[in-house]
């Protein structure tokens, strides 16, 4: 996972979540991310299946990418495996690659 030219994380323990016709989302374990680049924001959202999501901005040398990552801090029982993981919007300056 890269943003602003920096590698923010690599893992062999990612979770891939597919919902309906949407593109799969990769969730990274927090332990495999450089959390110093992520600042929690006040934005939240709610999913009836996964619970309440908290958001993070990615802080790079040149800019802050607002609300580009999210996490379910206390997911529902049905999504319990997402606890301790963070997903990223993959667009422009954020690259999530699967190798």
PDB file of N, CA and C in Angstrom:
ATOM      1  N   UNK A   1       0.853  -1.148   0.000  1.00  0.00           N
ATOM      2  CA  UNK A   1       0.000   0.000   0.000  1.00  0.00           C
ATOM      3  C   UNK A   1       0.902   1.215   0.000  1.00  0.00           C
ATOM      4  N   UNK A   2       0.695   2.105  -0.989  1.00  0.00           N
ATOM      5  CA  UNK A   2       1.529   3.292  -1.118  1.00  0.00           C
ATOM      6  C   UNK A   2       0.662   4.539  -1.210  1.00  0.00           C
ATOM      7  N   UNK A   3       1.200   5.642  -0.701  1.00  0.00           N
ATOM      8  CA  UNK A   3       0.530   6.942  -0.828  1.00  0.00           C
ATOM      9  C   UNK A   3       1.601   8.021  -0.869  1.00  0.00           C
ATOM     10  N   UNK A   4       1.464   8.956  -1.789  1.00  0.00           N
ATOM     11  CA  UNK A   4       2.408  10.052  -1.888  1.00  0.00           C
ATOM     12  C   UNK A   4       3.843   9.605  -2.060  1.00  0.00           C
ATOM     13  N   UNK A   5       4.062   8.461  -2.702  1.00  0.00           N
ATOM     14  CA  UNK A   5       5.401   7.961  -2.935  1.00  0.00           C
ATOM     15  C   UNK A   5       5.985   7.134  -1.806  1.00  0.00           C
ATOM     16  N   UNK A   6       5.305   7.070  -0.669  1.00  0.00           N
ATOM     17  CA  UNK A   6       5.808   6.308   0.478  1.00  0.00           C
ATOM     18  C   UNK A   6       5.054   4.986   0.610  1.00  0.00           C
ATOM     19  N   UNK A   7       5.778   3.953   0.994  1.00  0.00           N
ATOM     20  CA  UNK A   7       5.145   2.670   1.293  1.00  0.00           C
ATOM     21  C   UNK A   7       4.626   2.754   2.729  1.00  0.00           C
ATOM     22  N   UNK A   8       3.327   2.614   2.879  1.00  0.00           N
ATOM     23  CA  UNK A   8       2.711   2.697   4.205  1.00  0.00           C
ATOM     24  C   UNK A   8       2.461   1.336   4.830  1.00  0.00           C
ATOM     25  N   UNK A   9       2.524   0.305   4.007  1.00  0.00           N
ATOM     26  CA  UNK A   9       2.327  -1.018   4.571  1.00  0.00           C
ATOM     27  C   UNK A   9       2.452  -2.114   3.544  1.00  0.00           C
ATOM     28  N   UNK A  10       2.867  -3.270   4.031  1.00  0.00           N
ATOM     29  CA  UNK A  10       2.928  -4.498   3.249  1.00  0.00           C
ATOM     30  C   UNK A  10       2.497  -5.614   4.179  1.00  0.00           C
ATOM     31  N   UNK A  11       1.745  -6.555   3.651  1.00  0.00           N
ATOM     32  CA  UNK A  11       1.284  -7.636   4.506  1.00  0.00           C
ATOM     33  C   UNK A  11       1.005  -8.897   3.702  1.00  0.00           C
ATOM     34  N   UNK A  12       1.096 -10.001   4.358  1.00  0.00           N
ATOM     35  CA  UNK A  12       0.626 -11.267   3.782  1.00  0.00           C
ATOM     36  C   UNK A  12      -0.603 -11.725   4.561  1.00  0.00           C
ATOM     37  N   UNK A  13      -1.128 -10.843   5.408  1.00  0.00           N
ATOM     38  CA  UNK A  13      -2.281 -11.169   6.251  1.00  0.00           C
ATOM     39  C   UNK A  13      -3.488 -10.287   5.969  1.00  0.00           C
ATOM     40  N   UNK A  14      -3.591  -9.765   4.758  1.00  0.00           N
ATOM     41  CA  UNK A  14      -4.710  -8.898   4.406  1.00  0.00           C
ATOM     42  C   UNK A  14      -6.001  -9.709   4.298  1.00  0.00           C
ATOM     43  N   UNK A  15      -7.104  -9.018   4.516  1.00  0.00           N
ATOM     44  CA  UNK A  15      -8.422  -9.602   4.305  1.00  0.00           C
ATOM     45  C   UNK A  15      -9.023  -8.968   3.064  1.00  0.00           C
ATOM     46  N   UNK A  16      -9.640  -9.765   2.217  1.00  0.00           N
ATOM     47  CA  UNK A  16     -10.303  -9.239   1.025  1.00  0.00           C
ATOM     48  C   UNK A  16     -11.805  -9.406   1.214  1.00  0.00           C
ATOM     49  N   UNK A  17     -12.528  -8.289   1.111  1.00  0.00           N
ATOM     50  CA  UNK A  17     -13.971  -8.308   1.298  1.00  0.00           C
ATOM     51  C   UNK A  17     -14.643  -7.902  -0.009  1.00  0.00           C
ATOM     52  N   UNK A  18     -15.550  -8.740  -0.489  1.00  0.00           N
ATOM     53  CA  UNK A  18     -16.306  -8.449  -1.696  1.00  0.00           C
ATOM     54  C   UNK A  18     -17.772  -8.318  -1.319  1.00  0.00           C
ATOM     55  N   UNK A  19     -18.383  -7.216  -1.763  1.00  0.00           N
ATOM     56  CA  UNK A  19     -19.790  -6.986  -1.497  1.00  0.00           C
ATOM     57  C   UNK A  19     -20.511  -6.741  -2.809  1.00  0.00           C
ATOM     58  N   UNK A  20     -21.432  -7.618  -3.146  1.00  0.00           N
ATOM     59  CA  UNK A  20     -22.229  -7.456  -4.359  1.00  0.00           C
ATOM     60  C   UNK A  20     -21.372  -7.270  -5.591  1.00  0.00           C
ATOM     61  N   UNK A  21     -21.710  -6.249  -6.380  1.00  0.00           N
ATOM     62  CA  UNK A  21     -20.995  -5.967  -7.623  1.00  0.00           C
ATOM     63  C   UNK A  21     -19.833  -5.003  -7.444  1.00  0.00           C
ATOM     64  N   UNK A  22     -19.541  -4.598  -6.206  1.00  0.00           N
ATOM     65  CA  UNK A  22     -18.460  -3.645  -5.942  1.00  0.00           C
ATOM     66  C   UNK A  22     -17.106  -4.328  -6.067  1.00  0.00           C
ATOM     67  N   UNK A  23     -16.077  -3.520  -6.350  1.00  0.00           N
ATOM     68  CA  UNK A  23     -14.717  -4.047  -6.398  1.00  0.00           C
ATOM     69  C   UNK A  23     -14.321  -4.541  -5.007  1.00  0.00           C
ATOM     70  N   UNK A  24     -13.512  -5.587  -4.926  1.00  0.00           N
ATOM     71  CA  UNK A  24     -13.063  -6.072  -3.615  1.00  0.00           C
ATOM     72  C   UNK A  24     -12.295  -4.986  -2.856  1.00  0.00           C
ATOM     73  N   UNK A  25     -12.427  -5.003  -1.546  1.00  0.00           N
ATOM     74  CA  UNK A  25     -11.718  -4.065  -0.670  1.00  0.00           C
ATOM     75  C   UNK A  25     -10.715  -4.861   0.144  1.00  0.00           C
ATOM     76  N   UNK A  26      -9.492  -4.365   0.204  1.00  0.00           N
ATOM     77  CA  UNK A  26      -8.425  -5.020   0.951  1.00  0.00           C
ATOM     78  C   UNK A  26      -8.291  -4.330   2.308  1.00  0.00           C
ATOM     79  N   UNK A  27      -8.364  -5.100   3.371  1.00  0.00           N
ATOM     80  CA  UNK A  27      -8.195  -4.597   4.734  1.00  0.00           C
ATOM     81  C   UNK A  27      -6.835  -5.053   5.252  1.00  0.00           C
ATOM     82  N   UNK A  28      -6.026  -4.087   5.678  1.00  0.00           N
ATOM     83  CA  UNK A  28      -4.680  -4.349   6.192  1.00  0.00           C
ATOM     84  C   UNK A  28      -4.692  -4.422   7.714  1.00  0.00           C
ATOM     85  N   UNK A  29      -3.971  -5.383   8.288  1.00  0.00           N
ATOM     86  CA  UNK A  29      -3.827  -5.373   9.747  1.00  0.00           C
ATOM     87  C   UNK A  29      -3.070  -4.112  10.173  1.00  0.00           C
ATOM     88  N   UNK A  30      -3.523  -3.485  11.246  1.00  0.00           N
ATOM     89  CA  UNK A  30      -2.854  -2.275  11.744  1.00  0.00           C
ATOM     90  C   UNK A  30      -1.375  -2.522  12.015  1.00  0.00           C
ATOM     91  N   UNK A  31      -1.053  -3.693  12.507  1.00  0.00           N
ATOM     92  CA  UNK A  31       0.331  -4.009  12.863  1.00  0.00           C
ATOM     93  C   UNK A  31       1.253  -3.970  11.643  1.00  0.00           C
ATOM     94  N   UNK A  32       0.693  -4.074  10.436  1.00  0.00           N
ATOM     95  CA  UNK A  32       1.493  -4.086   9.214  1.00  0.00           C
ATOM     96  C   UNK A  32       1.490  -2.735   8.497  1.00  0.00           C
ATOM     97  N   UNK A  33       0.975  -1.694   9.159  1.00  0.00           N
ATOM     98  CA  UNK A  33       0.916  -0.356   8.571  1.00  0.00           C
ATOM     99  C   UNK A  33       1.774   0.623   9.356  1.00  0.00           C
ATOM    100  N   UNK A  34       2.288   1.621   8.666  1.00  0.00           N
ATOM    101  CA  UNK A  34       3.017   2.717   9.327  1.00  0.00           C
ATOM    102  C   UNK A  34       1.965   3.701   9.833  1.00  0.00           C
ATOM    103  N   UNK A  35       1.437   3.440  11.028  1.00  0.00           N
ATOM    104  CA  UNK A  35       0.325   4.214  11.576  1.00  0.00           C
ATOM    105  C   UNK A  35       0.688   5.683  11.808  1.00  0.00           C
ATOM    106  N   UNK A  36       1.975   6.007  11.848  1.00  0.00           N
ATOM    107  CA  UNK A  36       2.388   7.404  12.034  1.00  0.00           C
ATOM    108  C   UNK A  36       1.923   8.282  10.862  1.00  0.00           C
ATOM    109  N   UNK A  37       1.640   7.678   9.708  1.00  0.00           N
ATOM    110  CA  UNK A  37       1.165   8.431   8.546  1.00  0.00           C
ATOM    111  C   UNK A  37      -0.354   8.634   8.553  1.00  0.00           C
ATOM    112  N   UNK A  38      -1.044   8.029   9.510  1.00  0.00           N
ATOM    113  CA  UNK A  38      -2.504   8.088   9.538  1.00  0.00           C
ATOM    114  C   UNK A  38      -2.986   8.896  10.736  1.00  0.00           C
ATOM    115  N   UNK A  39      -3.865   9.859  10.467  1.00  0.00           N
ATOM    116  CA  UNK A  39      -4.474  10.673  11.516  1.00  0.00           C
ATOM    117  C   UNK A  39      -5.973  10.431  11.508  1.00  0.00           C
ATOM    118  N   UNK A  40      -6.498  10.022  12.650  1.00  0.00           N
ATOM    119  CA  UNK A  40      -7.943   9.793  12.755  1.00  0.00           C
ATOM    120  C   UNK A  40      -8.686  11.122  12.619  1.00  0.00           C
ATOM    121  N   UNK A  41      -9.779  11.094  11.870  1.00  0.00           N
ATOM    122  CA  UNK A  41     -10.584  12.302  11.670  1.00  0.00           C
ATOM    123  C   UNK A  41     -11.905  12.152  12.421  1.00  0.00           C
ATOM    124  N   UNK A  42     -12.742  13.150  12.314  1.00  0.00           N
ATOM    125  CA  UNK A  42     -14.037  13.108  12.994  1.00  0.00           C
ATOM    126  C   UNK A  42     -15.117  12.458  12.138  1.00  0.00           C
ATOM    127  N   UNK A  43     -14.801  12.158  10.882  1.00  0.00           N
ATOM    128  CA  UNK A  43     -15.799  11.560   9.997  1.00  0.00           C
ATOM    129  C   UNK A  43     -16.108  10.131  10.423  1.00  0.00           C
ATOM    130  N   UNK A  44     -17.381   9.774  10.333  1.00  0.00           N
ATOM    131  CA  UNK A  44     -17.821   8.407  10.579  1.00  0.00           C
ATOM    132  C   UNK A  44     -18.891   8.058   9.551  1.00  0.00           C
ATOM    133  N   UNK A  45     -19.160   6.792   9.410  1.00  0.00           N
ATOM    134  CA  UNK A  45     -20.278   6.329   8.589  1.00  0.00           C
ATOM    135  C   UNK A  45     -20.786   5.043   9.223  1.00  0.00           C
ATOM    136  N   UNK A  46     -21.964   4.644   8.846  1.00  0.00           N
ATOM    137  CA  UNK A  46     -22.543   3.443   9.439  1.00  0.00           C
ATOM    138  C   UNK A  46     -22.982   2.481   8.346  1.00  0.00           C
ATOM    139  N   UNK A  47     -22.638   1.230   8.524  1.00  0.00           N
ATOM    140  CA  UNK A  47     -23.041   0.157   7.621  1.00  0.00           C
ATOM    141  C   UNK A  47     -23.882  -0.820   8.442  1.00  0.00           C
ATOM    142  N   UNK A  48     -25.049  -1.198   7.953  1.00  0.00           N
ATOM    143  CA  UNK A  48     -25.881  -2.109   8.726  1.00  0.00           C
ATOM    144  C   UNK A  48     -25.251  -3.493   8.919  1.00  0.00           C
ATOM    145  N   UNK A  49     -24.316  -3.860   8.068  1.00  0.00           N
ATOM    146  CA  UNK A  49     -23.688  -5.179   8.145  1.00  0.00           C
ATOM    147  C   UNK A  49     -22.371  -5.181   8.917  1.00  0.00           C
ATOM    148  N   UNK A  50     -21.624  -4.080   8.829  1.00  0.00           N
ATOM    149  CA  UNK A  50     -20.289  -4.049   9.451  1.00  0.00           C
ATOM    150  C   UNK A  50     -20.215  -3.184  10.706  1.00  0.00           C
ATOM    151  N   UNK A  51     -21.101  -2.209  10.846  1.00  0.00           N
ATOM    152  CA  UNK A  51     -21.079  -1.334  12.018  1.00  0.00           C
ATOM    153  C   UNK A  51     -20.644   0.082  11.669  1.00  0.00           C
ATOM    154  N   UNK A  52     -20.135   0.796  12.663  1.00  0.00           N
ATOM    155  CA  UNK A  52     -19.716   2.186  12.455  1.00  0.00           C
ATOM    156  C   UNK A  52     -18.245   2.246  12.060  1.00  0.00           C
ATOM    157  N   UNK A  53     -17.986   2.974  10.992  1.00  0.00           N
ATOM    158  CA  UNK A  53     -16.608   3.140  10.496  1.00  0.00           C
ATOM    159  C   UNK A  53     -16.044   4.465  10.979  1.00  0.00           C
ATOM    160  N   UNK A  54     -14.789   4.437  11.373  1.00  0.00           N
ATOM    161  CA  UNK A  54     -14.052   5.664  11.675  1.00  0.00           C
ATOM    162  C   UNK A  54     -13.081   5.890  10.517  1.00  0.00           C
ATOM    163  N   UNK A  55     -12.757   7.147  10.253  1.00  0.00           N
ATOM    164  CA  UNK A  55     -11.936   7.478   9.095  1.00  0.00           C
ATOM    165  C   UNK A  55     -10.587   8.065   9.496  1.00  0.00           C
ATOM    166  N   UNK A  56      -9.636   7.940   8.568  1.00  0.00           N
ATOM    167  CA  UNK A  56      -8.273   8.430   8.764  1.00  0.00           C
ATOM    168  C   UNK A  56      -7.826   9.196   7.533  1.00  0.00           C
ATOM    169  N   UNK A  57      -7.068  10.245   7.761  1.00  0.00           N
ATOM    170  CA  UNK A  57      -6.390  10.942   6.675  1.00  0.00           C
ATOM    171  C   UNK A  57      -4.969  10.421   6.604  1.00  0.00           C
ATOM    172  N   UNK A  58      -4.423  10.415   5.394  1.00  0.00           N
ATOM    173  CA  UNK A  58      -3.040   9.997   5.184  1.00  0.00           C
ATOM    174  C   UNK A  58      -2.200  11.257   5.066  1.00  0.00           C
ATOM    175  N   UNK A  59      -1.193  11.384   5.912  1.00  0.00           N
ATOM    176  CA  UNK A  59      -0.333  12.561   5.916  1.00  0.00           C
ATOM    177  C   UNK A  59       0.981  12.200   5.227  1.00  0.00           C
ATOM    178  N   UNK A  60       1.224  12.837   4.060  1.00  0.00           N
ATOM    179  CA  UNK A  60       2.462  12.601   3.327  1.00  0.00           C
ATOM    180  C   UNK A  60       3.342  13.845   3.441  1.00  0.00           C
ATOM    181  N   UNK A  61       4.524  13.799   2.876  1.00  0.00           N
ATOM    182  CA  UNK A  61       5.429  14.956   2.907  1.00  0.00           C
ATOM    183  C   UNK A  61       4.808  16.178   2.248  1.00  0.00           C
ATOM    184  N   UNK A  62       4.093  15.954   1.151  1.00  0.00           N
ATOM    185  CA  UNK A  62       3.603  17.082   0.363  1.00  0.00           C
ATOM    186  C   UNK A  62       2.155  17.474   0.629  1.00  0.00           C
ATOM    187  N   UNK A  63       1.333  16.553   1.152  1.00  0.00           N
ATOM    188  CA  UNK A  63      -0.065  16.901   1.370  1.00  0.00           C
ATOM    189  C   UNK A  63      -0.751  15.920   2.317  1.00  0.00           C
ATOM    190  N   UNK A  64      -1.939  16.296   2.732  1.00  0.00           N
ATOM    191  CA  UNK A  64      -2.785  15.425   3.545  1.00  0.00           C
ATOM    192  C   UNK A  64      -3.936  14.946   2.678  1.00  0.00           C
ATOM    193  N   UNK A  65      -4.104  13.652   2.600  1.00  0.00           N
ATOM    194  CA  UNK A  65      -5.179  13.043   1.824  1.00  0.00           C
ATOM    195  C   UNK A  65      -6.323  12.749   2.791  1.00  0.00           C
ATOM    196  N   UNK A  66      -7.310  13.620   2.769  1.00  0.00           N
ATOM    197  CA  UNK A  66      -8.387  13.589   3.754  1.00  0.00           C
ATOM    198  C   UNK A  66      -9.274  12.344   3.638  1.00  0.00           C
ATOM    199  N   UNK A  67      -9.528  11.719   4.769  1.00  0.00           N
ATOM    200  CA  UNK A  67     -10.494  10.616   4.892  1.00  0.00           C
ATOM    201  C   UNK A  67     -10.313   9.528   3.832  1.00  0.00           C
ATOM    202  N   UNK A  68      -9.089   9.103   3.615  1.00  0.00           N
ATOM    203  CA  UNK A  68      -8.790   8.107   2.584  1.00  0.00           C
ATOM    204  C   UNK A  68      -8.721   6.677   3.113  1.00  0.00           C
ATOM    205  N   UNK A  69      -8.883   6.515   4.427  1.00  0.00           N
ATOM    206  CA  UNK A  69      -8.836   5.181   5.017  1.00  0.00           C
ATOM    207  C   UNK A  69      -9.951   5.062   6.040  1.00  0.00           C
ATOM    208  N   UNK A  70     -10.400   3.838   6.271  1.00  0.00           N
ATOM    209  CA  UNK A  70     -11.434   3.636   7.279  1.00  0.00           C
ATOM    210  C   UNK A  70     -11.232   2.318   7.999  1.00  0.00           C
ATOM    211  N   UNK A  71     -11.845   2.250   9.165  1.00  0.00           N
ATOM    212  CA  UNK A  71     -11.706   1.078  10.021  1.00  0.00           C
ATOM    213  C   UNK A  71     -12.999   0.879  10.807  1.00  0.00           C
ATOM    214  N   UNK A  72     -13.326  -0.358  11.074  1.00  0.00           N
ATOM    215  CA  UNK A  72     -14.448  -0.687  11.954  1.00  0.00           C
ATOM    216  C   UNK A  72     -13.845  -1.065  13.299  1.00  0.00           C
ATOM    217  N   UNK A  73     -13.826  -0.097  14.210  1.00  0.00           N
ATOM    218  CA  UNK A  73     -13.188  -0.290  15.515  1.00  0.00           C
ATOM    219  C   UNK A  73     -13.913  -1.362  16.335  1.00  0.00           C
ATOM    220  N   UNK A  74     -15.243  -1.374  16.248  1.00  0.00           N
ATOM    221  CA  UNK A  74     -16.061  -2.358  16.975  1.00  0.00           C
ATOM    222  C   UNK A  74     -17.087  -2.911  15.984  1.00  0.00           C
ATOM    223  N   UNK A  75     -16.638  -3.776  15.062  1.00  0.00           N
ATOM    224  CA  UNK A  75     -17.547  -4.275  14.032  1.00  0.00           C
ATOM    225  C   UNK A  75     -18.658  -5.155  14.623  1.00  0.00           C
ATOM    226  N   UNK A  76     -19.687  -5.351  13.834  1.00  0.00           N
ATOM    227  CA  UNK A  76     -20.758  -6.248  14.235  1.00  0.00           C
ATOM    228  C   UNK A  76     -20.192  -7.671  14.330  1.00  0.00           C
ATOM    229  N   UNK A  77     -20.951  -8.548  14.955  1.00  0.00           N
ATOM    230  CA  UNK A  77     -20.511  -9.947  15.058  1.00  0.00           C
ATOM    231  C   UNK A  77     -20.283 -10.563  13.683  1.00  0.00           C
ATOM    232  N   UNK A  78     -21.130 -10.188  12.720  1.00  0.00           N
ATOM    233  CA  UNK A  78     -21.016 -10.745  11.363  1.00  0.00           C
ATOM    234  C   UNK A  78     -19.724 -10.308  10.669  1.00  0.00           C
ATOM    235  N   UNK A  79     -19.145  -9.180  11.101  1.00  0.00           N
ATOM    236  CA  UNK A  79     -17.924  -8.650  10.475  1.00  0.00           C
ATOM    237  C   UNK A  79     -16.762  -8.617  11.459  1.00  0.00           C
ATOM    238  N   UNK A  80     -16.807  -9.443  12.477  1.00  0.00           N
ATOM    239  CA  UNK A  80     -15.813  -9.424  13.557  1.00  0.00           C
ATOM    240  C   UNK A  80     -14.377  -9.527  13.052  1.00  0.00           C
ATOM    241  N   UNK A  81     -14.167 -10.203  11.930  1.00  0.00           N
ATOM    242  CA  UNK A  81     -12.801 -10.377  11.408  1.00  0.00           C
ATOM    243  C   UNK A  81     -12.164  -9.058  10.988  1.00  0.00           C
ATOM    244  N   UNK A  82     -12.968  -7.997  10.787  1.00  0.00           N
ATOM    245  CA  UNK A  82     -12.431  -6.699  10.366  1.00  0.00           C
ATOM    246  C   UNK A  82     -11.823  -5.899  11.517  1.00  0.00           C
ATOM    247  N   UNK A  83     -12.057  -6.315  12.739  1.00  0.00           N
ATOM    248  CA  UNK A  83     -11.478  -5.618  13.894  1.00  0.00           C
ATOM    249  C   UNK A  83      -9.959  -5.602  13.753  1.00  0.00           C
ATOM    250  N   UNK A  84      -9.351  -4.436  14.003  1.00  0.00           N
ATOM    251  CA  UNK A  84      -7.896  -4.323  13.922  1.00  0.00           C
ATOM    252  C   UNK A  84      -7.358  -4.163  12.514  1.00  0.00           C
ATOM    253  N   UNK A  85      -8.235  -3.887  11.554  1.00  0.00           N
ATOM    254  CA  UNK A  85      -7.828  -3.731  10.161  1.00  0.00           C
ATOM    255  C   UNK A  85      -8.254  -2.365   9.635  1.00  0.00           C
ATOM    256  N   UNK A  86      -7.547  -1.884   8.616  1.00  0.00           N
ATOM    257  CA  UNK A  86      -7.848  -0.609   7.976  1.00  0.00           C
ATOM    258  C   UNK A  86      -7.855  -0.816   6.467  1.00  0.00           C
ATOM    259  N   UNK A  87      -8.847  -0.201   5.802  1.00  0.00           N
ATOM    260  CA  UNK A  87      -8.951  -0.250   4.340  1.00  0.00           C
ATOM    261  C   UNK A  87      -8.709   1.150   3.786  1.00  0.00           C
ATOM    262  N   UNK A  88      -8.349   1.207   2.507  1.00  0.00           N
ATOM    263  CA  UNK A  88      -8.003   2.476   1.863  1.00  0.00           C
ATOM    264  C   UNK A  88      -8.773   2.634   0.564  1.00  0.00           C
ATOM    265  N   UNK A  89      -9.205   3.873   0.299  1.00  0.00           N
ATOM    266  CA  UNK A  89      -9.749   4.178  -1.020  1.00  0.00           C
ATOM    267  C   UNK A  89      -8.576   4.136  -1.981  1.00  0.00           C
ATOM    268  N   UNK A  90      -8.708   3.383  -3.046  1.00  0.00           N
ATOM    269  CA  UNK A  90      -7.629   3.251  -4.025  1.00  0.00           C
ATOM    270  C   UNK A  90      -7.927   4.167  -5.199  1.00  0.00           C
ATOM    271  N   UNK A  91      -7.307   5.335  -5.187  1.00  0.00           N
ATOM    272  CA  UNK A  91      -7.505   6.305  -6.260  1.00  0.00           C
ATOM    273  C   UNK A  91      -6.340   7.280  -6.289  1.00  0.00           C
ATOM    274  N   UNK A  92      -6.062   7.812  -7.430  1.00  0.00           N
ATOM    275  CA  UNK A  92      -5.011   8.808  -7.659  1.00  0.00           C
ATOM    276  C   UNK A  92      -3.746   8.580  -6.846  1.00  0.00           C
ATOM    277  N   UNK A  93      -3.613   9.202  -5.682  1.00  0.00           N
ATOM    278  CA  UNK A  93      -2.367   9.162  -4.931  1.00  0.00           C
ATOM    279  C   UNK A  93      -2.251   7.972  -3.978  1.00  0.00           C
ATOM    280  N   UNK A  94      -3.259   7.116  -3.930  1.00  0.00           N
ATOM    281  CA  UNK A  94      -3.222   5.943  -3.054  1.00  0.00           C
ATOM    282  C   UNK A  94      -3.283   4.706  -3.922  1.00  0.00           C
ATOM    283  N   UNK A  95      -2.330   3.806  -3.723  1.00  0.00           N
ATOM    284  CA  UNK A  95      -2.265   2.579  -4.511  1.00  0.00           C
ATOM    285  C   UNK A  95      -2.273   1.368  -3.593  1.00  0.00           C
ATOM    286  N   UNK A  96      -3.250   0.516  -3.805  1.00  0.00           N
ATOM    287  CA  UNK A  96      -3.310  -0.763  -3.087  1.00  0.00           C
ATOM    288  C   UNK A  96      -3.065  -1.839  -4.132  1.00  0.00           C
ATOM    289  N   UNK A  97      -1.976  -2.584  -3.947  1.00  0.00           N
ATOM    290  CA  UNK A  97      -1.607  -3.610  -4.912  1.00  0.00           C
ATOM    291  C   UNK A  97      -1.632  -4.976  -4.244  1.00  0.00           C
ATOM    292  N   UNK A  98      -2.084  -5.937  -5.002  1.00  0.00           N
ATOM    293  CA  UNK A  98      -2.042  -7.316  -4.565  1.00  0.00           C
ATOM    294  C   UNK A  98      -1.032  -8.048  -5.439  1.00  0.00           C
ATOM    295  N   UNK A  99      -0.074  -8.686  -4.784  1.00  0.00           N
ATOM    296  CA  UNK A  99       0.966  -9.382  -5.541  1.00  0.00           C
ATOM    297  C   UNK A  99       0.874 -10.865  -5.275  1.00  0.00           C
TER     298      UNK A  99
END
